[in-house]
PDB file of N, CA and C in Angstrom:
ATOM      1  N   MET A   1      21.352 199.872  14.550  1.00  0.00           N
ATOM      2  CA  MET A   1      19.945 199.810  14.890  1.00  0.00           C
ATOM      3  C   MET A   1      19.130 200.536  13.820  1.00  0.00           C
ATOM      4  N   HIS A   2      17.883 200.109  13.689  1.00  0.00           N
ATOM      5  CA  HIS A   2      16.983 200.789  12.763  1.00  0.00           C
ATOM      6  C   HIS A   2      16.320 201.980  13.446  1.00  0.00           C
ATOM      7  N   TYR A   3      16.033 203.001  12.625  1.00  0.00           N
ATOM      8  CA  TYR A   3      15.340 204.188  13.104  1.00  0.00           C
ATOM      9  C   TYR A   3      14.239 204.527  12.109  1.00  0.00           C
ATOM     10  N   ALA A   4      13.082 204.947  12.639  1.00  0.00           N
ATOM     11  CA  ALA A   4      11.971 205.401  11.810  1.00  0.00           C
ATOM     12  C   ALA A   4      12.030 206.921  11.739  1.00  0.00           C
ATOM     13  N   ILE A   5      12.037 207.424  10.532  1.00  0.00           N
ATOM     14  CA  ILE A   5      11.990 208.865  10.290  1.00  0.00           C
ATOM     15  C   ILE A   5      10.585 209.142   9.767  1.00  0.00           C
ATOM     16  N   ILE A   6       9.814 209.841  10.584  1.00  0.00           N
ATOM     17  CA  ILE A   6       8.391 210.061  10.313  1.00  0.00           C
ATOM     18  C   ILE A   6       8.197 211.557  10.084  1.00  0.00           C
ATOM     19  N   ALA A   7       7.879 211.917   8.857  1.00  0.00           N
ATOM     20  CA  ALA A   7       7.764 213.330   8.501  1.00  0.00           C
ATOM     21  C   ALA A   7       6.336 213.674   8.113  1.00  0.00           C
ATOM     22  N   THR A   8       5.932 214.880   8.462  1.00  0.00           N
ATOM     23  CA  THR A   8       4.614 215.404   8.110  1.00  0.00           C
ATOM     24  C   THR A   8       4.817 216.603   7.187  1.00  0.00           C
ATOM     25  N   ASP A   9       4.124 216.590   6.052  1.00  0.00           N
ATOM     26  CA  ASP A   9       4.231 217.682   5.088  1.00  0.00           C
ATOM     27  C   ASP A   9       3.489 218.934   5.543  1.00  0.00           C
ATOM     28  N   VAL A  10       3.939 220.074   5.037  1.00  0.00           N
ATOM     29  CA  VAL A  10       3.153 221.299   5.136  1.00  0.00           C
ATOM     30  C   VAL A  10       1.955 221.135   4.202  1.00  0.00           C
ATOM     31  N   GLU A  11       0.953 221.966   4.345  1.00  0.00           N
ATOM     32  CA  GLU A  11      -0.183 221.907   3.425  1.00  0.00           C
ATOM     33  C   GLU A  11       0.268 222.332   2.031  1.00  0.00           C
ATOM     34  N   ASN A  12      -0.358 221.746   1.021  1.00  0.00           N
ATOM     35  CA  ASN A  12      -0.075 222.074  -0.380  1.00  0.00           C
ATOM     36  C   ASN A  12       1.415 221.944  -0.710  1.00  0.00           C
ATOM     37  N   SER A  13       1.991 220.816  -0.307  1.00  0.00           N
ATOM     38  CA  SER A  13       3.429 220.590  -0.473  1.00  0.00           C
ATOM     39  C   SER A  13       3.825 219.999  -1.819  1.00  0.00           C
ATOM     40  N   LEU A  14       2.867 219.615  -2.643  1.00  0.00           N
ATOM     41  CA  LEU A  14       3.165 218.815  -3.828  1.00  0.00           C
ATOM     42  C   LEU A  14       4.191 219.477  -4.748  1.00  0.00           C
ATOM     43  N   GLU A  15       4.046 220.749  -5.038  1.00  0.00           N
ATOM     44  CA  GLU A  15       4.978 221.419  -5.948  1.00  0.00           C
ATOM     45  C   GLU A  15       6.399 221.425  -5.373  1.00  0.00           C
ATOM     46  N   LYS A  16       6.533 221.756  -4.100  1.00  0.00           N
ATOM     47  CA  LYS A  16       7.851 221.734  -3.442  1.00  0.00           C
ATOM     48  C   LYS A  16       8.415 220.315  -3.413  1.00  0.00           C
ATOM     49  N   ARG A  17       7.549 219.358  -3.118  1.00  0.00           N
ATOM     50  CA  ARG A  17       7.953 217.952  -3.034  1.00  0.00           C
ATOM     51  C   ARG A  17       8.504 217.476  -4.377  1.00  0.00           C
ATOM     52  N   MET A  18       7.801 217.777  -5.451  1.00  0.00           N
ATOM     53  CA  MET A  18       8.235 217.307  -6.766  1.00  0.00           C
ATOM     54  C   MET A  18       9.557 217.957  -7.185  1.00  0.00           C
ATOM     55  N   ALA A  19       9.762 219.216  -6.828  1.00  0.00           N
ATOM     56  CA  ALA A  19      11.005 219.904  -7.177  1.00  0.00           C
ATOM     57  C   ALA A  19      12.204 219.299  -6.448  1.00  0.00           C
ATOM     58  N   ALA A  20      12.019 218.879  -5.202  1.00  0.00           N
ATOM     59  CA  ALA A  20      13.127 218.344  -4.400  1.00  0.00           C
ATOM     60  C   ALA A  20      13.255 216.825  -4.495  1.00  0.00           C
ATOM     61  N   ARG A  21      12.324 216.177  -5.170  1.00  0.00           N
ATOM     62  CA  ARG A  21      12.274 214.711  -5.201  1.00  0.00           C
ATOM     63  C   ARG A  21      13.541 214.047  -5.736  1.00  0.00           C
ATOM     64  N   PRO A  22      14.141 214.509  -6.840  1.00  0.00           N
ATOM     65  CA  PRO A  22      15.342 213.817  -7.324  1.00  0.00           C
ATOM     66  C   PRO A  22      16.467 213.764  -6.279  1.00  0.00           C
ATOM     67  N   ALA A  23      16.714 214.845  -5.587  1.00  0.00           N
ATOM     68  CA  ALA A  23      17.765 214.873  -4.565  1.00  0.00           C
ATOM     69  C   ALA A  23      17.369 213.996  -3.368  1.00  0.00           C
ATOM     70  N   HIS A  24      16.097 214.008  -3.014  1.00  0.00           N
ATOM     71  CA  HIS A  24      15.597 213.164  -1.915  1.00  0.00           C
ATOM     72  C   HIS A  24      15.806 211.690  -2.258  1.00  0.00           C
ATOM     73  N   LEU A  25      15.422 211.289  -3.469  1.00  0.00           N
ATOM     74  CA  LEU A  25      15.575 209.892  -3.890  1.00  0.00           C
ATOM     75  C   LEU A  25      17.032 209.477  -3.988  1.00  0.00           C
ATOM     76  N   GLU A  26      17.897 210.392  -4.391  1.00  0.00           N
ATOM     77  CA  GLU A  26      19.329 210.088  -4.483  1.00  0.00           C
ATOM     78  C   GLU A  26      19.878 209.644  -3.123  1.00  0.00           C
ATOM     79  N   ARG A  27      19.468 210.329  -2.060  1.00  0.00           N
ATOM     80  CA  ARG A  27      19.921 209.964  -0.715  1.00  0.00           C
ATOM     81  C   ARG A  27      19.364 208.609  -0.296  1.00  0.00           C
ATOM     82  N   LEU A  28      18.106 208.340  -0.655  1.00  0.00           N
ATOM     83  CA  LEU A  28      17.516 207.052  -0.318  1.00  0.00           C
ATOM     84  C   LEU A  28      18.203 205.921  -1.067  1.00  0.00           C
ATOM     85  N   HIS A  29      18.543 206.151  -2.332  1.00  0.00           N
ATOM     86  CA  HIS A  29      19.260 205.132  -3.104  1.00  0.00           C
ATOM     87  C   HIS A  29      20.631 204.864  -2.505  1.00  0.00           C
ATOM     88  N   ALA A  30      21.287 205.876  -1.962  1.00  0.00           N
ATOM     89  CA  ALA A  30      22.584 205.687  -1.314  1.00  0.00           C
ATOM     90  C   ALA A  30      22.438 204.783  -0.083  1.00  0.00           C
ATOM     91  N   LEU A  31      21.386 204.993   0.704  1.00  0.00           N
ATOM     92  CA  LEU A  31      21.124 204.109   1.850  1.00  0.00           C
ATOM     93  C   LEU A  31      20.850 202.684   1.372  1.00  0.00           C
ATOM     94  N   LYS A  32      20.053 202.564   0.320  1.00  0.00           N
ATOM     95  CA  LYS A  32      19.725 201.242  -0.233  1.00  0.00           C
ATOM     96  C   LYS A  32      20.976 200.537  -0.724  1.00  0.00           C
ATOM     97  N   ASP A  33      21.804 201.244  -1.473  1.00  0.00           N
ATOM     98  CA  ASP A  33      23.031 200.661  -2.014  1.00  0.00           C
ATOM     99  C   ASP A  33      23.988 200.226  -0.915  1.00  0.00           C
ATOM    100  N   ALA A  34      23.921 200.900   0.231  1.00  0.00           N
ATOM    101  CA  ALA A  34      24.765 200.539   1.378  1.00  0.00           C
ATOM    102  C   ALA A  34      24.136 199.421   2.210  1.00  0.00           C
ATOM    103  N   GLY A  35      22.945 198.942   1.804  1.00  0.00           N
ATOM    104  CA  GLY A  35      22.270 197.878   2.528  1.00  0.00           C
ATOM    105  C   GLY A  35      21.653 198.317   3.846  1.00  0.00           C
ATOM    106  N   ARG A  36      21.374 199.610   3.981  1.00  0.00           N
ATOM    107  CA  ARG A  36      20.881 200.157   5.246  1.00  0.00           C
ATOM    108  C   ARG A  36      19.403 200.543   5.218  1.00  0.00           C
ATOM    109  N   LEU A  37      18.761 200.526   4.062  1.00  0.00           N
ATOM    110  CA  LEU A  37      17.375 200.956   3.936  1.00  0.00           C
ATOM    111  C   LEU A  37      16.433 199.766   4.085  1.00  0.00           C
ATOM    112  N   LEU A  38      15.532 199.844   5.055  1.00  0.00           N
ATOM    113  CA  LEU A  38      14.538 198.801   5.245  1.00  0.00           C
ATOM    114  C   LEU A  38      13.307 199.084   4.398  1.00  0.00           C
ATOM    115  N   LEU A  39      12.816 200.340   4.439  1.00  0.00           N
ATOM    116  CA  LEU A  39      11.692 200.753   3.599  1.00  0.00           C
ATOM    117  C   LEU A  39      11.600 202.272   3.586  1.00  0.00           C
ATOM    118  N   ALA A  40      10.940 202.776   2.558  1.00  0.00           N
ATOM    119  CA  ALA A  40      10.742 204.226   2.441  1.00  0.00           C
ATOM    120  C   ALA A  40       9.568 204.491   1.523  1.00  0.00           C
ATOM    121  N   GLY A  41       8.829 205.547   1.820  1.00  0.00           N
ATOM    122  CA  GLY A  41       7.739 205.934   0.947  1.00  0.00           C
ATOM    123  C   GLY A  41       6.918 207.054   1.533  1.00  0.00           C
ATOM    124  N   PRO A  42       6.091 207.659   0.672  1.00  0.00           N
ATOM    125  CA  PRO A  42       5.232 208.759   1.112  1.00  0.00           C
ATOM    126  C   PRO A  42       3.873 208.259   1.579  1.00  0.00           C
ATOM    127  N   HIS A  43       3.152 209.133   2.273  1.00  0.00           N
ATOM    128  CA  HIS A  43       1.781 208.874   2.694  1.00  0.00           C
ATOM    129  C   HIS A  43       0.853 209.650   1.750  1.00  0.00           C
ATOM    130  N   PRO A  44       0.156 208.968   0.836  1.00  0.00           N
ATOM    131  CA  PRO A  44      -0.774 209.667  -0.046  1.00  0.00           C
ATOM    132  C   PRO A  44      -1.871 210.373   0.757  1.00  0.00           C
ATOM    133  N   ALA A  45      -2.276 211.521   0.277  1.00  0.00           N
ATOM    134  CA  ALA A  45      -3.312 212.304   0.959  1.00  0.00           C
ATOM    135  C   ALA A  45      -4.702 211.677   0.822  1.00  0.00           C
ATOM    136  N   ILE A  46      -4.864 210.807  -0.164  1.00  0.00           N
ATOM    137  CA  ILE A  46      -6.129 210.093  -0.350  1.00  0.00           C
ATOM    138  C   ILE A  46      -5.828 208.606  -0.468  1.00  0.00           C
ATOM    139  N   ASP A  47      -6.835 207.790  -0.410  1.00  0.00           N
ATOM    140  CA  ASP A  47      -6.679 206.334  -0.443  1.00  0.00           C
ATOM    141  C   ASP A  47      -6.410 205.870  -1.873  1.00  0.00           C
ATOM    142  N   SER A  48      -5.186 206.145  -2.335  1.00  0.00           N
ATOM    143  CA  SER A  48      -4.805 205.808  -3.698  1.00  0.00           C
ATOM    144  C   SER A  48      -3.286 205.769  -3.795  1.00  0.00           C
ATOM    145  N   ASN A  49      -2.764 204.831  -4.581  1.00  0.00           N
ATOM    146  CA  ASN A  49      -1.319 204.795  -4.824  1.00  0.00           C
ATOM    147  C   ASN A  49      -0.864 205.997  -5.630  1.00  0.00           C
ATOM    148  N   ASP A  50      -1.761 206.558  -6.433  1.00  0.00           N
ATOM    149  CA  ASP A  50      -1.460 207.745  -7.235  1.00  0.00           C
ATOM    150  C   ASP A  50      -2.461 208.835  -6.867  1.00  0.00           C
ATOM    151  N   PRO A  51      -2.134 209.654  -5.868  1.00  0.00           N
ATOM    152  CA  PRO A  51      -3.100 210.637  -5.396  1.00  0.00           C
ATOM    153  C   PRO A  51      -3.255 211.859  -6.282  1.00  0.00           C
ATOM    154  N   GLY A  52      -2.468 211.937  -7.367  1.00  0.00           N
ATOM    155  CA  GLY A  52      -2.581 213.071  -8.277  1.00  0.00           C
ATOM    156  C   GLY A  52      -2.404 214.389  -7.556  1.00  0.00           C
ATOM    157  N   PRO A  53      -3.239 215.372  -7.864  1.00  0.00           N
ATOM    158  CA  PRO A  53      -3.078 216.697  -7.278  1.00  0.00           C
ATOM    159  C   PRO A  53      -3.358 216.751  -5.772  1.00  0.00           C
ATOM    160  N   ALA A  54      -3.971 215.692  -5.207  1.00  0.00           N
ATOM    161  CA  ALA A  54      -4.179 215.662  -3.752  1.00  0.00           C
ATOM    162  C   ALA A  54      -2.848 215.610  -3.018  1.00  0.00           C
ATOM    163  N   GLY A  55      -1.847 215.019  -3.666  1.00  0.00           N
ATOM    164  CA  GLY A  55      -0.500 214.998  -3.111  1.00  0.00           C
ATOM    165  C   GLY A  55      -0.320 214.045  -1.950  1.00  0.00           C
ATOM    166  N   PHE A  56       0.564 214.428  -1.050  1.00  0.00           N
ATOM    167  CA  PHE A  56       0.981 213.568   0.046  1.00  0.00           C
ATOM    168  C   PHE A  56       0.938 214.341   1.363  1.00  0.00           C
ATOM    169  N   THR A  57       0.842 213.596   2.452  1.00  0.00           N
ATOM    170  CA  THR A  57       0.785 214.218   3.771  1.00  0.00           C
ATOM    171  C   THR A  57       2.054 214.017   4.584  1.00  0.00           C
ATOM    172  N   GLY A  58       2.988 213.257   4.050  1.00  0.00           N
ATOM    173  CA  GLY A  58       4.232 213.007   4.771  1.00  0.00           C
ATOM    174  C   GLY A  58       4.974 211.831   4.200  1.00  0.00           C
ATOM    175  N   SER A  59       5.990 211.383   4.933  1.00  0.00           N
ATOM    176  CA  SER A  59       6.842 210.289   4.479  1.00  0.00           C
ATOM    177  C   SER A  59       7.278 209.446   5.661  1.00  0.00           C
ATOM    178  N   LEU A  60       7.665 208.206   5.348  1.00  0.00           N
ATOM    179  CA  LEU A  60       8.250 207.301   6.333  1.00  0.00           C
ATOM    180  C   LEU A  60       9.505 206.687   5.734  1.00  0.00           C
ATOM    181  N   VAL A  61      10.593 206.752   6.481  1.00  0.00           N
ATOM    182  CA  VAL A  61      11.837 206.080   6.112  1.00  0.00           C
ATOM    183  C   VAL A  61      12.249 205.253   7.313  1.00  0.00           C
ATOM    184  N   VAL A  62      12.551 203.978   7.087  1.00  0.00           N
ATOM    185  CA  VAL A  62      13.116 203.139   8.138  1.00  0.00           C
ATOM    186  C   VAL A  62      14.452 202.643   7.625  1.00  0.00           C
ATOM    187  N   ALA A  63      15.507 203.002   8.352  1.00  0.00           N
ATOM    188  CA  ALA A  63      16.859 202.672   7.893  1.00  0.00           C
ATOM    189  C   ALA A  63      17.779 202.444   9.083  1.00  0.00           C
ATOM    190  N   GLU A  64      18.901 201.830   8.799  1.00  0.00           N
ATOM    191  CA  GLU A  64      19.895 201.545   9.825  1.00  0.00           C
ATOM    192  C   GLU A  64      20.880 202.703   9.937  1.00  0.00           C
ATOM    193  N   PHE A  65      21.103 203.128  11.168  1.00  0.00           N
ATOM    194  CA  PHE A  65      22.098 204.152  11.475  1.00  0.00           C
ATOM    195  C   PHE A  65      22.871 203.701  12.702  1.00  0.00           C
ATOM    196  N   ALA A  66      24.054 204.256  12.906  1.00  0.00           N
ATOM    197  CA  ALA A  66      24.894 203.891  14.040  1.00  0.00           C
ATOM    198  C   ALA A  66      24.329 204.391  15.361  1.00  0.00           C
ATOM    199  N   SER A  67      23.540 205.462  15.318  1.00  0.00           N
ATOM    200  CA  SER A  67      22.998 206.049  16.544  1.00  0.00           C
ATOM    201  C   SER A  67      21.782 206.910  16.216  1.00  0.00           C
ATOM    202  N   LEU A  68      21.049 207.254  17.248  1.00  0.00           N
ATOM    203  CA  LEU A  68      19.920 208.161  17.095  1.00  0.00           C
ATOM    204  C   LEU A  68      20.396 209.512  16.567  1.00  0.00           C
ATOM    205  N   GLU A  69      21.520 209.970  17.061  1.00  0.00           N
ATOM    206  CA  GLU A  69      22.059 211.257  16.621  1.00  0.00           C
ATOM    207  C   GLU A  69      22.391 211.241  15.129  1.00  0.00           C
ATOM    208  N   GLU A  70      22.949 210.121  14.647  1.00  0.00           N
ATOM    209  CA  GLU A  70      23.260 210.009  13.214  1.00  0.00           C
ATOM    210  C   GLU A  70      21.979 210.009  12.381  1.00  0.00           C
ATOM    211  N   ALA A  71      20.956 209.303  12.855  1.00  0.00           N
ATOM    212  CA  ALA A  71      19.671 209.272  12.148  1.00  0.00           C
ATOM    213  C   ALA A  71      19.041 210.659  12.126  1.00  0.00           C
ATOM    214  N   GLN A  72      19.110 211.375  13.244  1.00  0.00           N
ATOM    215  CA  GLN A  72      18.565 212.728  13.301  1.00  0.00           C
ATOM    216  C   GLN A  72      19.306 213.665  12.350  1.00  0.00           C
ATOM    217  N   ALA A  73      20.626 213.553  12.299  1.00  0.00           N
ATOM    218  CA  ALA A  73      21.418 214.399  11.397  1.00  0.00           C
ATOM    219  C   ALA A  73      21.073 214.093   9.943  1.00  0.00           C
ATOM    220  N   TRP A  74      20.912 212.813   9.622  1.00  0.00           N
ATOM    221  CA  TRP A  74      20.560 212.429   8.250  1.00  0.00           C
ATOM    222  C   TRP A  74      19.191 213.012   7.892  1.00  0.00           C
ATOM    223  N   ALA A  75      18.239 212.889   8.805  1.00  0.00           N
ATOM    224  CA  ALA A  75      16.889 213.411   8.552  1.00  0.00           C
ATOM    225  C   ALA A  75      16.907 214.924   8.389  1.00  0.00           C
ATOM    226  N   LYS A  76      17.670 215.607   9.200  1.00  0.00           N
ATOM    227  CA  LYS A  76      17.734 217.071   9.146  1.00  0.00           C
ATOM    228  C   LYS A  76      18.321 217.567   7.816  1.00  0.00           C
ATOM    229  N   ALA A  77      19.189 216.752   7.205  1.00  0.00           N
ATOM    230  CA  ALA A  77      19.832 217.134   5.949  1.00  0.00           C
ATOM    231  C   ALA A  77      19.022 216.742   4.711  1.00  0.00           C
ATOM    232  N   ASP A  78      17.820 216.223   4.899  1.00  0.00           N
ATOM    233  CA  ASP A  78      17.003 215.801   3.757  1.00  0.00           C
ATOM    234  C   ASP A  78      16.636 217.002   2.888  1.00  0.00           C
ATOM    235  N   PRO A  79      16.712 216.855   1.568  1.00  0.00           N
ATOM    236  CA  PRO A  79      16.315 217.938   0.669  1.00  0.00           C
ATOM    237  C   PRO A  79      14.873 218.406   0.871  1.00  0.00           C
ATOM    238  N   TYR A  80      13.988 217.531   1.331  1.00  0.00           N
ATOM    239  CA  TYR A  80      12.618 217.958   1.601  1.00  0.00           C
ATOM    240  C   TYR A  80      12.571 218.947   2.767  1.00  0.00           C
ATOM    241  N   VAL A  81      13.474 218.813   3.724  1.00  0.00           N
ATOM    242  CA  VAL A  81      13.549 219.776   4.828  1.00  0.00           C
ATOM    243  C   VAL A  81      13.977 221.128   4.281  1.00  0.00           C
ATOM    244  N   ALA A  82      15.047 221.127   3.488  1.00  0.00           N
ATOM    245  CA  ALA A  82      15.577 222.378   2.925  1.00  0.00           C
ATOM    246  C   ALA A  82      14.558 223.062   2.012  1.00  0.00           C
ATOM    247  N   ALA A  83      13.740 222.274   1.317  1.00  0.00           N
ATOM    248  CA  ALA A  83      12.759 222.822   0.377  1.00  0.00           C
ATOM    249  C   ALA A  83      11.465 223.266   1.061  1.00  0.00           C
ATOM    250  N   GLY A  84      11.340 223.011   2.354  1.00  0.00           N
ATOM    251  CA  GLY A  84      10.129 223.411   3.064  1.00  0.00           C
ATOM    252  C   GLY A  84       8.954 222.472   2.861  1.00  0.00           C
ATOM    253  N   VAL A  85       9.230 221.230   2.467  1.00  0.00           N
ATOM    254  CA  VAL A  85       8.168 220.242   2.281  1.00  0.00           C
ATOM    255  C   VAL A  85       7.629 219.770   3.632  1.00  0.00           C
ATOM    256  N   TYR A  86       8.528 219.556   4.572  1.00  0.00           N
ATOM    257  CA  TYR A  86       8.141 218.995   5.862  1.00  0.00           C
ATOM    258  C   TYR A  86       7.849 220.079   6.891  1.00  0.00           C
ATOM    259  N   ALA A  87       6.735 219.912   7.591  1.00  0.00           N
ATOM    260  CA  ALA A  87       6.398 220.778   8.725  1.00  0.00           C
ATOM    261  C   ALA A  87       7.020 220.242  10.002  1.00  0.00           C
ATOM    262  N   ASP A  88       7.173 218.909  10.062  1.00  0.00           N
ATOM    263  CA  ASP A  88       7.676 218.261  11.268  1.00  0.00           C
ATOM    264  C   ASP A  88       8.364 216.958  10.889  1.00  0.00           C
ATOM    265  N   VAL A  89       9.448 216.646  11.593  1.00  0.00           N
ATOM    266  CA  VAL A  89      10.155 215.379  11.390  1.00  0.00           C
ATOM    267  C   VAL A  89      10.476 214.792  12.760  1.00  0.00           C
ATOM    268  N   GLN A  90      10.056 213.548  12.952  1.00  0.00           N
ATOM    269  CA  GLN A  90      10.373 212.818  14.179  1.00  0.00           C
ATOM    270  C   GLN A  90      11.285 211.657  13.816  1.00  0.00           C
ATOM    271  N   VAL A  91      12.236 211.366  14.687  1.00  0.00           N
ATOM    272  CA  VAL A  91      13.122 210.223  14.503  1.00  0.00           C
ATOM    273  C   VAL A  91      13.033 209.370  15.756  1.00  0.00           C
ATOM    274  N   LYS A  92      12.697 208.102  15.561  1.00  0.00           N
ATOM    275  CA  LYS A  92      12.504 207.189  16.692  1.00  0.00           C
ATOM    276  C   LYS A  92      13.226 205.871  16.439  1.00  0.00           C
ATOM    277  N   PRO A  93      13.764 205.257  17.480  1.00  0.00           N
ATOM    278  CA  PRO A  93      14.288 203.905  17.313  1.00  0.00           C
ATOM    279  C   PRO A  93      13.167 202.984  16.829  1.00  0.00           C
ATOM    280  N   PHE A  94      13.540 202.002  16.020  1.00  0.00           N
ATOM    281  CA  PHE A  94      12.557 201.092  15.430  1.00  0.00           C
ATOM    282  C   PHE A  94      13.076 199.670  15.569  1.00  0.00           C
ATOM    283  N   LYS A  95      12.271 198.799  16.143  1.00  0.00           N
ATOM    284  CA  LYS A  95      12.626 197.401  16.292  1.00  0.00           C
ATOM    285  C   LYS A  95      11.837 196.571  15.278  1.00  0.00           C
ATOM    286  N   ALA A  96      12.515 196.066  14.275  1.00  0.00           N
ATOM    287  CA  ALA A  96      11.870 195.231  13.257  1.00  0.00           C
ATOM    288  C   ALA A  96      11.580 193.858  13.874  1.00  0.00           C
ATOM    289  N   VAL A  97      10.315 193.444  13.854  1.00  0.00           N
ATOM    290  CA  VAL A  97       9.914 192.171  14.421  1.00  0.00           C
ATOM    291  C   VAL A  97       9.483 191.199  13.321  1.00  0.00           C
ATOM    292  N   LEU A  98       8.675 191.661  12.388  1.00  0.00           N
ATOM    293  CA  LEU A  98       8.191 190.815  11.287  1.00  0.00           C
ATOM    294  C   LEU A  98       8.376 191.526   9.967  1.00  0.00           C
ATOM    295  N   PRO A  99       8.512 190.913   8.872  1.00  0.00           N
ATOM    296  CA  PRO A  99       8.565 189.468   8.706  1.00  0.00           C
ATOM    297  C   PRO A  99       9.899 188.906   9.127  1.00  0.00           C
TER     298      PRO A  99
END
């Protein structure tokens, strides 16, 4: 089943986010290579694909996991969690309807 991992950044997270980004992306590429990643990306703090110093307010990952518990464990082990980028992380079942 797919699960949505919805994370909210702490304020002024950009420096922490950029430092942990390579390890964060490595995990996402592993999901992609396994054919389990539906989509992933950050939420820009302003209405722009490149928010510059405004940074980001959080992230969304939708991926396939065997269970809610597995998705929660994967989310908890994210390098952004360890680096203090995220203030909150929610994991919810996700039903892909379209396209």
